[in-house]
Amino acid sequence: MTTQLRKIIFSLPKRRPTRAVKDEAELFHVTDWPMHYLLAIDRHHVQNMARVLQPLDCSPLMWRVLSILADQDGHNVSELAELSVIERSNLSKLLDGMERDGLIARTAPDGDKRKTLIFLADSGRDLFARSLPVVLRYYASFLTGISPSEMTAFMKVLTRIKSNVKTFDPRDVHGKD
């Protein structure tokens, strides 16, 4: 076990061994790790968003796209996939439905479909405007009790984890101890 891994494991609040530890498996508990909590939060968040948005005939994935385009219109599919954290194939299907529903419009500059940009249509902008107050009230409810300084620290840690995960190279973990 590496020194860094040992420091991390021993810093976990529930797992401070009082005796000698034989190996990592003895210390590993899935609920001690941040990714377990991030995935559980995401799962419940998506379920909650579906309930919040259902009266507006909007799905959580649609709302992600609407919110990105409301913030900055005119993204290509690759940019939208990255920002929305939606697999590109799923996003393409979602965009097809949103276009059929008149929520978005696609334009291909110079007729080049490889450069197609996605824009909010008026009805998409309206749906975003109607849903935003409801979503913000939901966000406020799950952030209750978190101080501004805690939120700043939390976002700093999440940003660092996101960067580390995004730049991960599997060669870094194979054959090292």
N, C-alpha and C. Protein backbone atom coordinates (compact mmCIF):
# COMPACT_ATOMS: atom_id res chain seq x y z
N MET A 1 0.86 -1.18 0.00
CA MET A 1 0.00 0.00 0.00
C MET A 1 0.91 1.23 0.00
N THR A 2 0.60 2.18 -0.89
CA THR A 2 1.42 3.38 -0.97
C THR A 2 1.22 4.24 0.26
N THR A 3 2.18 5.08 0.51
CA THR A 3 2.10 6.00 1.64
C THR A 3 0.91 6.94 1.47
N GLN A 4 0.72 7.43 0.24
CA GLN A 4 -0.40 8.35 -0.01
C GLN A 4 -1.73 7.66 0.24
N LEU A 5 -1.89 6.43 -0.25
CA LEU A 5 -3.14 5.69 -0.04
C LEU A 5 -3.35 5.42 1.44
N ARG A 6 -2.31 5.07 2.15
CA ARG A 6 -2.41 4.82 3.60
C ARG A 6 -2.89 6.08 4.32
N LYS A 7 -2.33 7.26 3.94
CA LYS A 7 -2.75 8.52 4.56
C LYS A 7 -4.24 8.79 4.31
N ILE A 8 -4.66 8.55 3.07
CA ILE A 8 -6.07 8.78 2.73
C ILE A 8 -6.97 7.85 3.52
N ILE A 9 -6.64 6.57 3.53
CA ILE A 9 -7.48 5.59 4.25
C ILE A 9 -7.54 5.92 5.73
N PHE A 10 -6.40 6.26 6.30
CA PHE A 10 -6.39 6.54 7.73
C PHE A 10 -7.06 7.87 8.07
N SER A 11 -7.27 8.71 7.07
CA SER A 11 -7.97 9.97 7.33
C SER A 11 -9.48 9.81 7.30
N LEU A 12 -9.96 8.67 6.80
CA LEU A 12 -11.41 8.44 6.75
C LEU A 12 -11.94 8.32 8.17
N PRO A 13 -13.01 9.00 8.49
CA PRO A 13 -13.47 9.07 9.87
C PRO A 13 -13.86 7.74 10.49
N LYS A 14 -14.37 6.80 9.71
CA LYS A 14 -14.88 5.56 10.29
C LYS A 14 -13.84 4.45 10.35
N ARG A 15 -12.71 4.62 9.72
CA ARG A 15 -11.81 3.49 9.53
C ARG A 15 -10.42 3.70 10.11
N ARG A 16 -10.32 4.11 11.32
CA ARG A 16 -9.01 4.25 11.94
C ARG A 16 -8.67 2.94 12.66
N PRO A 17 -7.82 2.13 12.06
CA PRO A 17 -7.52 0.83 12.67
C PRO A 17 -6.83 0.98 14.02
N THR A 18 -7.18 0.10 14.92
CA THR A 18 -6.56 0.10 16.25
C THR A 18 -5.53 -1.01 16.36
N ARG A 19 -5.39 -1.79 15.31
CA ARG A 19 -4.40 -2.86 15.30
C ARG A 19 -3.70 -2.89 13.95
N ALA A 20 -2.70 -3.73 13.82
CA ALA A 20 -1.97 -3.85 12.55
C ALA A 20 -2.92 -4.34 11.45
N VAL A 21 -2.77 -3.78 10.28
CA VAL A 21 -3.62 -4.11 9.14
C VAL A 21 -2.84 -5.00 8.18
N LYS A 22 -3.47 -6.11 7.75
CA LYS A 22 -2.80 -7.05 6.85
C LYS A 22 -2.72 -6.52 5.42
N ASP A 23 -3.83 -6.03 4.88
CA ASP A 23 -3.83 -5.57 3.49
C ASP A 23 -4.94 -4.55 3.26
N GLU A 24 -4.98 -4.02 2.01
CA GLU A 24 -5.95 -3.00 1.65
C GLU A 24 -7.39 -3.48 1.78
N ALA A 25 -7.62 -4.76 1.44
CA ALA A 25 -8.99 -5.29 1.46
C ALA A 25 -9.60 -5.19 2.85
N GLU A 26 -8.79 -5.29 3.85
CA GLU A 26 -9.29 -5.19 5.22
C GLU A 26 -9.76 -3.77 5.53
N LEU A 27 -9.21 -2.78 4.84
CA LEU A 27 -9.57 -1.39 5.07
C LEU A 27 -10.62 -0.86 4.09
N PHE A 28 -10.82 -1.54 2.96
CA PHE A 28 -11.69 -1.00 1.93
C PHE A 28 -13.16 -1.24 2.26
N HIS A 29 -13.91 -0.16 2.30
CA HIS A 29 -15.37 -0.20 2.44
C HIS A 29 -15.91 0.82 1.45
N VAL A 30 -16.73 0.36 0.52
CA VAL A 30 -17.16 1.21 -0.59
C VAL A 30 -17.80 2.51 -0.11
N THR A 31 -18.51 2.47 1.00
CA THR A 31 -19.20 3.67 1.47
C THR A 31 -18.26 4.69 2.10
N ASP A 32 -16.99 4.38 2.18
CA ASP A 32 -16.01 5.35 2.67
C ASP A 32 -15.48 6.28 1.57
N TRP A 33 -15.78 5.98 0.33
CA TRP A 33 -15.14 6.67 -0.78
C TRP A 33 -16.05 7.71 -1.41
N PRO A 34 -15.49 8.83 -1.82
CA PRO A 34 -16.30 9.93 -2.37
C PRO A 34 -17.15 9.53 -3.57
N MET A 35 -16.63 8.68 -4.45
CA MET A 35 -17.39 8.34 -5.65
C MET A 35 -18.71 7.65 -5.31
N HIS A 36 -18.73 6.87 -4.24
CA HIS A 36 -19.99 6.25 -3.82
C HIS A 36 -21.02 7.33 -3.51
N TYR A 37 -20.61 8.34 -2.78
CA TYR A 37 -21.53 9.41 -2.40
C TYR A 37 -21.92 10.26 -3.61
N LEU A 38 -20.96 10.54 -4.49
CA LEU A 38 -21.27 11.34 -5.67
C LEU A 38 -22.28 10.62 -6.56
N LEU A 39 -22.10 9.31 -6.74
CA LEU A 39 -23.05 8.54 -7.56
C LEU A 39 -24.41 8.45 -6.90
N ALA A 40 -24.44 8.24 -5.58
CA ALA A 40 -25.72 8.17 -4.87
C ALA A 40 -26.44 9.52 -4.93
N ILE A 41 -25.70 10.59 -4.75
CA ILE A 41 -26.28 11.94 -4.84
C ILE A 41 -26.84 12.16 -6.24
N ASP A 42 -26.08 11.80 -7.25
CA ASP A 42 -26.54 12.00 -8.63
C ASP A 42 -27.81 11.20 -8.90
N ARG A 43 -27.85 9.97 -8.45
CA ARG A 43 -29.04 9.13 -8.67
C ARG A 43 -30.28 9.76 -8.05
N HIS A 44 -30.17 10.15 -6.79
CA HIS A 44 -31.31 10.77 -6.11
C HIS A 44 -31.65 12.14 -6.70
N HIS A 45 -30.61 12.86 -7.10
CA HIS A 45 -30.82 14.18 -7.71
C HIS A 45 -31.63 14.04 -9.01
N VAL A 46 -31.27 13.10 -9.85
CA VAL A 46 -31.98 12.91 -11.11
C VAL A 46 -33.43 12.51 -10.84
N GLN A 47 -33.65 11.65 -9.86
CA GLN A 47 -35.03 11.27 -9.50
C GLN A 47 -35.81 12.49 -9.01
N ASN A 48 -35.19 13.29 -8.17
CA ASN A 48 -35.86 14.49 -7.65
C ASN A 48 -36.14 15.50 -8.77
N MET A 49 -35.16 15.69 -9.65
CA MET A 49 -35.36 16.61 -10.77
C MET A 49 -36.51 16.14 -11.65
N ALA A 50 -36.62 14.84 -11.87
CA ALA A 50 -37.73 14.31 -12.68
C ALA A 50 -39.07 14.67 -12.05
N ARG A 51 -39.16 14.56 -10.73
CA ARG A 51 -40.41 14.91 -10.04
C ARG A 51 -40.67 16.42 -10.10
N VAL A 52 -39.63 17.21 -9.94
CA VAL A 52 -39.77 18.66 -9.97
C VAL A 52 -40.18 19.16 -11.36
N LEU A 53 -39.60 18.56 -12.39
CA LEU A 53 -39.82 19.03 -13.75
C LEU A 53 -41.02 18.38 -14.45
N GLN A 54 -41.53 17.30 -13.90
CA GLN A 54 -42.62 16.56 -14.55
C GLN A 54 -43.83 17.43 -14.86
N PRO A 55 -44.29 18.30 -13.94
CA PRO A 55 -45.43 19.15 -14.28
C PRO A 55 -45.19 20.10 -15.46
N LEU A 56 -43.93 20.32 -15.77
CA LEU A 56 -43.57 21.21 -16.88
C LEU A 56 -43.29 20.44 -18.17
N ASP A 57 -43.50 19.11 -18.15
CA ASP A 57 -43.20 18.26 -19.31
C ASP A 57 -41.75 18.40 -19.76
N CYS A 58 -40.88 18.36 -18.78
CA CYS A 58 -39.44 18.52 -19.05
C CYS A 58 -38.71 17.43 -18.27
N SER A 59 -37.76 16.78 -18.91
CA SER A 59 -36.96 15.76 -18.23
C SER A 59 -35.69 16.41 -17.67
N PRO A 60 -35.04 15.73 -16.72
CA PRO A 60 -33.77 16.27 -16.21
C PRO A 60 -32.72 16.46 -17.31
N LEU A 61 -32.66 15.55 -18.26
CA LEU A 61 -31.68 15.69 -19.34
C LEU A 61 -32.02 16.86 -20.25
N MET A 62 -33.31 17.02 -20.54
CA MET A 62 -33.73 18.19 -21.33
C MET A 62 -33.35 19.47 -20.61
N TRP A 63 -33.56 19.49 -19.30
CA TRP A 63 -33.27 20.70 -18.53
C TRP A 63 -31.78 21.02 -18.56
N ARG A 64 -30.94 19.99 -18.52
CA ARG A 64 -29.50 20.23 -18.61
C ARG A 64 -29.16 20.96 -19.91
N VAL A 65 -29.74 20.46 -21.01
CA VAL A 65 -29.47 21.07 -22.31
C VAL A 65 -30.03 22.49 -22.35
N LEU A 66 -31.26 22.66 -21.89
CA LEU A 66 -31.87 24.00 -21.89
C LEU A 66 -31.02 24.98 -21.08
N SER A 67 -30.56 24.53 -19.91
CA SER A 67 -29.81 25.44 -19.04
C SER A 67 -28.46 25.81 -19.65
N ILE A 68 -27.83 24.88 -20.32
CA ILE A 68 -26.54 25.17 -20.97
C ILE A 68 -26.74 26.18 -22.09
N LEU A 69 -27.78 25.94 -22.92
CA LEU A 69 -28.02 26.85 -24.04
C LEU A 69 -28.54 28.20 -23.58
N ALA A 70 -29.28 28.23 -22.46
CA ALA A 70 -29.73 29.52 -21.92
C ALA A 70 -28.55 30.33 -21.40
N ASP A 71 -27.55 29.63 -20.90
CA ASP A 71 -26.35 30.30 -20.40
C ASP A 71 -25.50 30.81 -21.55
N GLN A 72 -25.34 29.96 -22.57
CA GLN A 72 -24.58 30.36 -23.76
C GLN A 72 -25.10 29.55 -24.94
N ASP A 73 -25.77 30.22 -25.83
CA ASP A 73 -26.38 29.58 -26.99
C ASP A 73 -25.33 29.24 -28.04
N GLY A 74 -25.63 28.26 -28.89
CA GLY A 74 -24.80 27.97 -30.04
C GLY A 74 -23.66 27.02 -29.81
N HIS A 75 -23.93 25.89 -29.15
CA HIS A 75 -22.90 24.86 -28.95
C HIS A 75 -23.04 23.78 -30.00
N ASN A 76 -21.92 23.12 -30.32
CA ASN A 76 -22.01 21.94 -31.17
C ASN A 76 -22.31 20.73 -30.27
N VAL A 77 -22.59 19.59 -30.88
CA VAL A 77 -23.00 18.41 -30.12
C VAL A 77 -21.89 17.95 -29.17
N SER A 78 -20.65 17.99 -29.60
CA SER A 78 -19.54 17.56 -28.73
C SER A 78 -19.44 18.44 -27.49
N GLU A 79 -19.56 19.74 -27.67
CA GLU A 79 -19.52 20.66 -26.52
C GLU A 79 -20.69 20.40 -25.58
N LEU A 80 -21.88 20.21 -26.17
CA LEU A 80 -23.06 19.94 -25.33
C LEU A 80 -22.90 18.63 -24.57
N ALA A 81 -22.35 17.61 -25.21
CA ALA A 81 -22.14 16.32 -24.53
C ALA A 81 -21.20 16.50 -23.34
N GLU A 82 -20.13 17.24 -23.53
CA GLU A 82 -19.16 17.48 -22.45
C GLU A 82 -19.78 18.27 -21.31
N LEU A 83 -20.46 19.36 -21.64
CA LEU A 83 -21.05 20.23 -20.61
C LEU A 83 -22.22 19.58 -19.88
N SER A 84 -23.02 18.80 -20.61
CA SER A 84 -24.22 18.20 -20.02
C SER A 84 -23.94 16.87 -19.34
N VAL A 85 -22.77 16.32 -19.58
CA VAL A 85 -22.39 15.00 -19.06
C VAL A 85 -23.41 13.95 -19.52
N ILE A 86 -23.75 14.03 -20.80
CA ILE A 86 -24.65 13.06 -21.43
C ILE A 86 -23.87 12.39 -22.56
N GLU A 87 -23.91 11.07 -22.60
CA GLU A 87 -23.23 10.35 -23.69
C GLU A 87 -23.72 10.89 -25.03
N ARG A 88 -22.80 11.02 -25.95
CA ARG A 88 -23.12 11.65 -27.23
C ARG A 88 -24.27 10.96 -27.97
N SER A 89 -24.32 9.63 -27.96
CA SER A 89 -25.41 8.93 -28.66
C SER A 89 -26.75 9.23 -28.00
N ASN A 90 -26.80 9.26 -26.69
CA ASN A 90 -28.03 9.60 -25.97
C ASN A 90 -28.42 11.06 -26.22
N LEU A 91 -27.41 11.92 -26.25
CA LEU A 91 -27.66 13.33 -26.48
C LEU A 91 -28.25 13.56 -27.87
N SER A 92 -27.73 12.87 -28.85
CA SER A 92 -28.25 13.03 -30.22
C SER A 92 -29.73 12.68 -30.28
N LYS A 93 -30.13 11.60 -29.62
CA LYS A 93 -31.55 11.21 -29.58
C LYS A 93 -32.37 12.26 -28.85
N LEU A 94 -31.84 12.75 -27.74
CA LEU A 94 -32.53 13.79 -26.97
C LEU A 94 -32.71 15.05 -27.81
N LEU A 95 -31.66 15.46 -28.50
CA LEU A 95 -31.74 16.66 -29.35
C LEU A 95 -32.74 16.48 -30.48
N ASP A 96 -32.81 15.28 -31.05
CA ASP A 96 -33.81 15.01 -32.09
C ASP A 96 -35.22 15.27 -31.56
N GLY A 97 -35.50 14.76 -30.36
CA GLY A 97 -36.81 14.96 -29.74
C GLY A 97 -37.07 16.41 -29.39
N MET A 98 -36.05 17.09 -28.88
CA MET A 98 -36.20 18.49 -28.53
C MET A 98 -36.43 19.35 -29.78
N GLU A 99 -35.80 18.96 -30.88
CA GLU A 99 -36.01 19.69 -32.13
C GLU A 99 -37.43 19.45 -32.64
N ARG A 100 -37.90 18.18 -32.58
CA ARG A 100 -39.27 17.88 -32.99
C ARG A 100 -40.29 18.66 -32.16
N ASP A 101 -39.97 18.85 -30.86
CA ASP A 101 -40.87 19.58 -29.96
C ASP A 101 -40.73 21.09 -30.09
N GLY A 102 -39.82 21.53 -30.93
CA GLY A 102 -39.65 22.97 -31.16
C GLY A 102 -38.90 23.69 -30.06
N LEU A 103 -38.13 22.95 -29.24
CA LEU A 103 -37.40 23.57 -28.14
C LEU A 103 -36.03 24.09 -28.57
N ILE A 104 -35.46 23.46 -29.57
CA ILE A 104 -34.14 23.87 -30.07
C ILE A 104 -34.19 23.97 -31.59
N ALA A 105 -33.19 24.61 -32.13
CA ALA A 105 -33.00 24.67 -33.58
C ALA A 105 -31.54 24.37 -33.87
N ARG A 106 -31.31 23.70 -34.98
CA ARG A 106 -29.94 23.40 -35.41
C ARG A 106 -29.63 24.21 -36.65
N THR A 107 -28.44 24.75 -36.69
CA THR A 107 -28.00 25.45 -37.89
C THR A 107 -26.62 24.96 -38.26
N ALA A 108 -26.42 24.78 -39.55
CA ALA A 108 -25.13 24.33 -40.06
C ALA A 108 -24.53 25.47 -40.88
N PRO A 109 -23.56 26.18 -40.31
CA PRO A 109 -22.92 27.27 -41.06
C PRO A 109 -22.35 26.74 -42.38
N ASP A 110 -22.60 27.47 -43.42
CA ASP A 110 -22.11 27.11 -44.76
C ASP A 110 -22.60 25.72 -45.20
N GLY A 111 -23.70 25.22 -44.60
CA GLY A 111 -24.25 23.93 -44.99
C GLY A 111 -23.43 22.73 -44.56
N ASP A 112 -22.38 22.94 -43.75
CA ASP A 112 -21.51 21.86 -43.29
C ASP A 112 -22.10 21.24 -42.02
N LYS A 113 -22.71 20.05 -42.16
CA LYS A 113 -23.38 19.42 -41.01
C LYS A 113 -22.41 19.04 -39.90
N ARG A 114 -21.13 18.93 -40.22
CA ARG A 114 -20.15 18.61 -39.17
C ARG A 114 -19.98 19.77 -38.20
N LYS A 115 -20.39 20.96 -38.62
CA LYS A 115 -20.25 22.15 -37.78
C LYS A 115 -21.60 22.64 -37.25
N THR A 116 -22.58 21.74 -37.19
CA THR A 116 -23.92 22.11 -36.75
C THR A 116 -23.89 22.66 -35.32
N LEU A 117 -24.56 23.78 -35.12
CA LEU A 117 -24.68 24.41 -33.81
C LEU A 117 -26.12 24.31 -33.34
N ILE A 118 -26.28 24.18 -32.03
CA ILE A 118 -27.60 24.04 -31.41
C ILE A 118 -27.94 25.35 -30.71
N PHE A 119 -29.15 25.84 -30.97
CA PHE A 119 -29.63 27.08 -30.37
C PHE A 119 -30.99 26.84 -29.72
N LEU A 120 -31.29 27.61 -28.68
CA LEU A 120 -32.62 27.56 -28.08
C LEU A 120 -33.63 28.21 -29.01
N ALA A 121 -34.76 27.55 -29.20
CA ALA A 121 -35.88 28.16 -29.89
C ALA A 121 -36.65 28.97 -28.84
N ASP A 122 -37.56 29.81 -29.26
CA ASP A 122 -38.34 30.62 -28.32
C ASP A 122 -39.07 29.75 -27.30
N SER A 123 -39.62 28.62 -27.74
CA SER A 123 -40.34 27.75 -26.79
C SER A 123 -39.37 27.10 -25.80
N GLY A 124 -38.15 26.83 -26.21
CA GLY A 124 -37.13 26.29 -25.30
C GLY A 124 -36.72 27.33 -24.27
N ARG A 125 -36.57 28.57 -24.73
CA ARG A 125 -36.24 29.67 -23.82
C ARG A 125 -37.37 29.89 -22.81
N ASP A 126 -38.61 29.76 -23.28
CA ASP A 126 -39.78 29.90 -22.41
C ASP A 126 -39.83 28.77 -21.38
N LEU A 127 -39.59 27.52 -21.82
CA LEU A 127 -39.58 26.39 -20.89
C LEU A 127 -38.50 26.57 -19.84
N PHE A 128 -37.33 27.02 -20.25
CA PHE A 128 -36.25 27.27 -19.29
C PHE A 128 -36.68 28.34 -18.29
N ALA A 129 -37.25 29.42 -18.76
CA ALA A 129 -37.67 30.52 -17.87
C ALA A 129 -38.73 30.05 -16.88
N ARG A 130 -39.67 29.20 -17.32
CA ARG A 130 -40.71 28.71 -16.43
C ARG A 130 -40.18 27.70 -15.42
N SER A 131 -39.18 26.93 -15.81
CA SER A 131 -38.65 25.88 -14.94
C SER A 131 -37.57 26.38 -13.98
N LEU A 132 -36.88 27.44 -14.34
CA LEU A 132 -35.77 27.92 -13.52
C LEU A 132 -36.16 28.22 -12.07
N PRO A 133 -37.24 28.93 -11.79
CA PRO A 133 -37.58 29.20 -10.38
C PRO A 133 -37.83 27.91 -9.58
N VAL A 134 -38.46 26.94 -10.20
CA VAL A 134 -38.74 25.67 -9.52
C VAL A 134 -37.43 24.94 -9.23
N VAL A 135 -36.54 24.89 -10.22
CA VAL A 135 -35.25 24.22 -10.05
C VAL A 135 -34.41 24.93 -9.00
N LEU A 136 -34.39 26.24 -9.01
CA LEU A 136 -33.62 26.98 -8.00
C LEU A 136 -34.14 26.74 -6.59
N ARG A 137 -35.47 26.63 -6.44
CA ARG A 137 -36.02 26.30 -5.11
C ARG A 137 -35.60 24.89 -4.69
N TYR A 138 -35.61 23.97 -5.64
CA TYR A 138 -35.14 22.60 -5.34
C TYR A 138 -33.67 22.63 -4.93
N TYR A 139 -32.83 23.34 -5.71
CA TYR A 139 -31.41 23.43 -5.37
C TYR A 139 -31.22 24.01 -3.97
N ALA A 140 -31.96 25.06 -3.65
CA ALA A 140 -31.85 25.68 -2.33
C ALA A 140 -32.21 24.69 -1.24
N SER A 141 -33.18 23.82 -1.51
CA SER A 141 -33.60 22.86 -0.48
C SER A 141 -32.51 21.85 -0.16
N PHE A 142 -31.76 21.39 -1.15
CA PHE A 142 -30.72 20.40 -0.83
C PHE A 142 -29.40 21.03 -0.43
N LEU A 143 -29.30 22.34 -0.55
CA LEU A 143 -28.09 23.02 -0.08
C LEU A 143 -28.31 23.71 1.26
N THR A 144 -29.47 23.50 1.85
CA THR A 144 -29.78 24.08 3.15
C THR A 144 -28.74 23.66 4.19
N GLY A 145 -28.30 24.61 4.98
CA GLY A 145 -27.35 24.31 6.05
C GLY A 145 -25.90 24.32 5.63
N ILE A 146 -25.62 24.61 4.38
CA ILE A 146 -24.24 24.67 3.90
C ILE A 146 -23.85 26.14 3.80
N SER A 147 -22.82 26.50 4.54
CA SER A 147 -22.39 27.91 4.57
C SER A 147 -21.66 28.26 3.27
N PRO A 148 -21.58 29.54 2.97
CA PRO A 148 -20.82 29.96 1.77
C PRO A 148 -19.37 29.46 1.79
N SER A 149 -18.72 29.47 2.96
CA SER A 149 -17.33 29.01 3.01
C SER A 149 -17.25 27.50 2.80
N GLU A 150 -18.23 26.76 3.32
CA GLU A 150 -18.26 25.31 3.08
C GLU A 150 -18.49 25.03 1.59
N MET A 151 -19.38 25.80 0.98
CA MET A 151 -19.66 25.60 -0.44
C MET A 151 -18.43 25.91 -1.28
N THR A 152 -17.71 26.96 -0.93
CA THR A 152 -16.49 27.31 -1.65
C THR A 152 -15.46 26.18 -1.54
N ALA A 153 -15.26 25.67 -0.33
CA ALA A 153 -14.30 24.57 -0.13
C ALA A 153 -14.76 23.31 -0.87
N PHE A 154 -16.04 23.01 -0.79
CA PHE A 154 -16.60 21.84 -1.45
C PHE A 154 -16.39 21.92 -2.97
N MET A 155 -16.69 23.07 -3.56
CA MET A 155 -16.53 23.23 -5.00
C MET A 155 -15.05 23.15 -5.40
N LYS A 156 -14.17 23.63 -4.55
CA LYS A 156 -12.73 23.54 -4.82
C LYS A 156 -12.29 22.08 -4.85
N VAL A 157 -12.77 21.30 -3.88
CA VAL A 157 -12.43 19.88 -3.83
C VAL A 157 -13.03 19.14 -5.04
N LEU A 158 -14.29 19.41 -5.35
CA LEU A 158 -14.92 18.76 -6.49
C LEU A 158 -14.20 19.09 -7.79
N THR A 159 -13.80 20.34 -7.94
CA THR A 159 -13.07 20.76 -9.14
C THR A 159 -11.75 20.01 -9.26
N ARG A 160 -11.05 19.84 -8.14
CA ARG A 160 -9.78 19.11 -8.15
C ARG A 160 -10.00 17.64 -8.51
N ILE A 161 -11.05 17.02 -7.90
CA ILE A 161 -11.36 15.62 -8.19
C ILE A 161 -11.72 15.47 -9.67
N LYS A 162 -12.55 16.37 -10.18
CA LYS A 162 -12.94 16.30 -11.59
C LYS A 162 -11.71 16.37 -12.49
N SER A 163 -10.80 17.27 -12.19
CA SER A 163 -9.58 17.40 -12.98
C SER A 163 -8.74 16.13 -12.90
N ASN A 164 -8.59 15.59 -11.70
CA ASN A 164 -7.80 14.36 -11.52
C ASN A 164 -8.42 13.20 -12.29
N VAL A 165 -9.73 13.06 -12.23
CA VAL A 165 -10.41 11.96 -12.92
C VAL A 165 -10.31 12.14 -14.43
N LYS A 166 -10.45 13.38 -14.88
CA LYS A 166 -10.43 13.66 -16.32
C LYS A 166 -9.04 13.40 -16.92
N THR A 167 -7.99 13.66 -16.16
CA THR A 167 -6.63 13.49 -16.69
C THR A 167 -6.00 12.16 -16.28
N PHE A 168 -6.79 11.28 -15.69
CA PHE A 168 -6.29 9.99 -15.23
C PHE A 168 -5.68 9.18 -16.38
N ASP A 169 -4.56 8.53 -16.10
CA ASP A 169 -3.91 7.64 -17.05
C ASP A 169 -3.80 6.27 -16.37
N PRO A 170 -4.43 5.22 -16.92
CA PRO A 170 -4.41 3.92 -16.27
C PRO A 170 -3.00 3.37 -16.05
N ARG A 171 -2.05 3.84 -16.81
CA ARG A 171 -0.66 3.39 -16.59
C ARG A 171 -0.16 3.81 -15.21
N ASP A 172 -0.80 4.82 -14.62
CA ASP A 172 -0.37 5.30 -13.31
C ASP A 172 -0.67 4.32 -12.19
N VAL A 173 -1.57 3.38 -12.39
CA VAL A 173 -1.96 2.48 -11.30
C VAL A 173 -1.51 1.04 -11.51
N HIS A 174 -1.17 0.67 -12.71
CA HIS A 174 -0.75 -0.70 -12.98
C HIS A 174 0.72 -0.90 -12.63
N GLY A 175 0.97 -1.89 -11.80
CA GLY A 175 2.34 -2.24 -11.46
C GLY A 175 2.98 -1.36 -10.43
N LYS A 176 2.22 -0.45 -9.81
CA LYS A 176 2.79 0.40 -8.76
C LYS A 176 2.21 -0.05 -7.43
N ASP A 177 2.96 0.14 -6.39
CA ASP A 177 2.51 -0.24 -5.05
C ASP A 177 2.57 0.89 -4.10
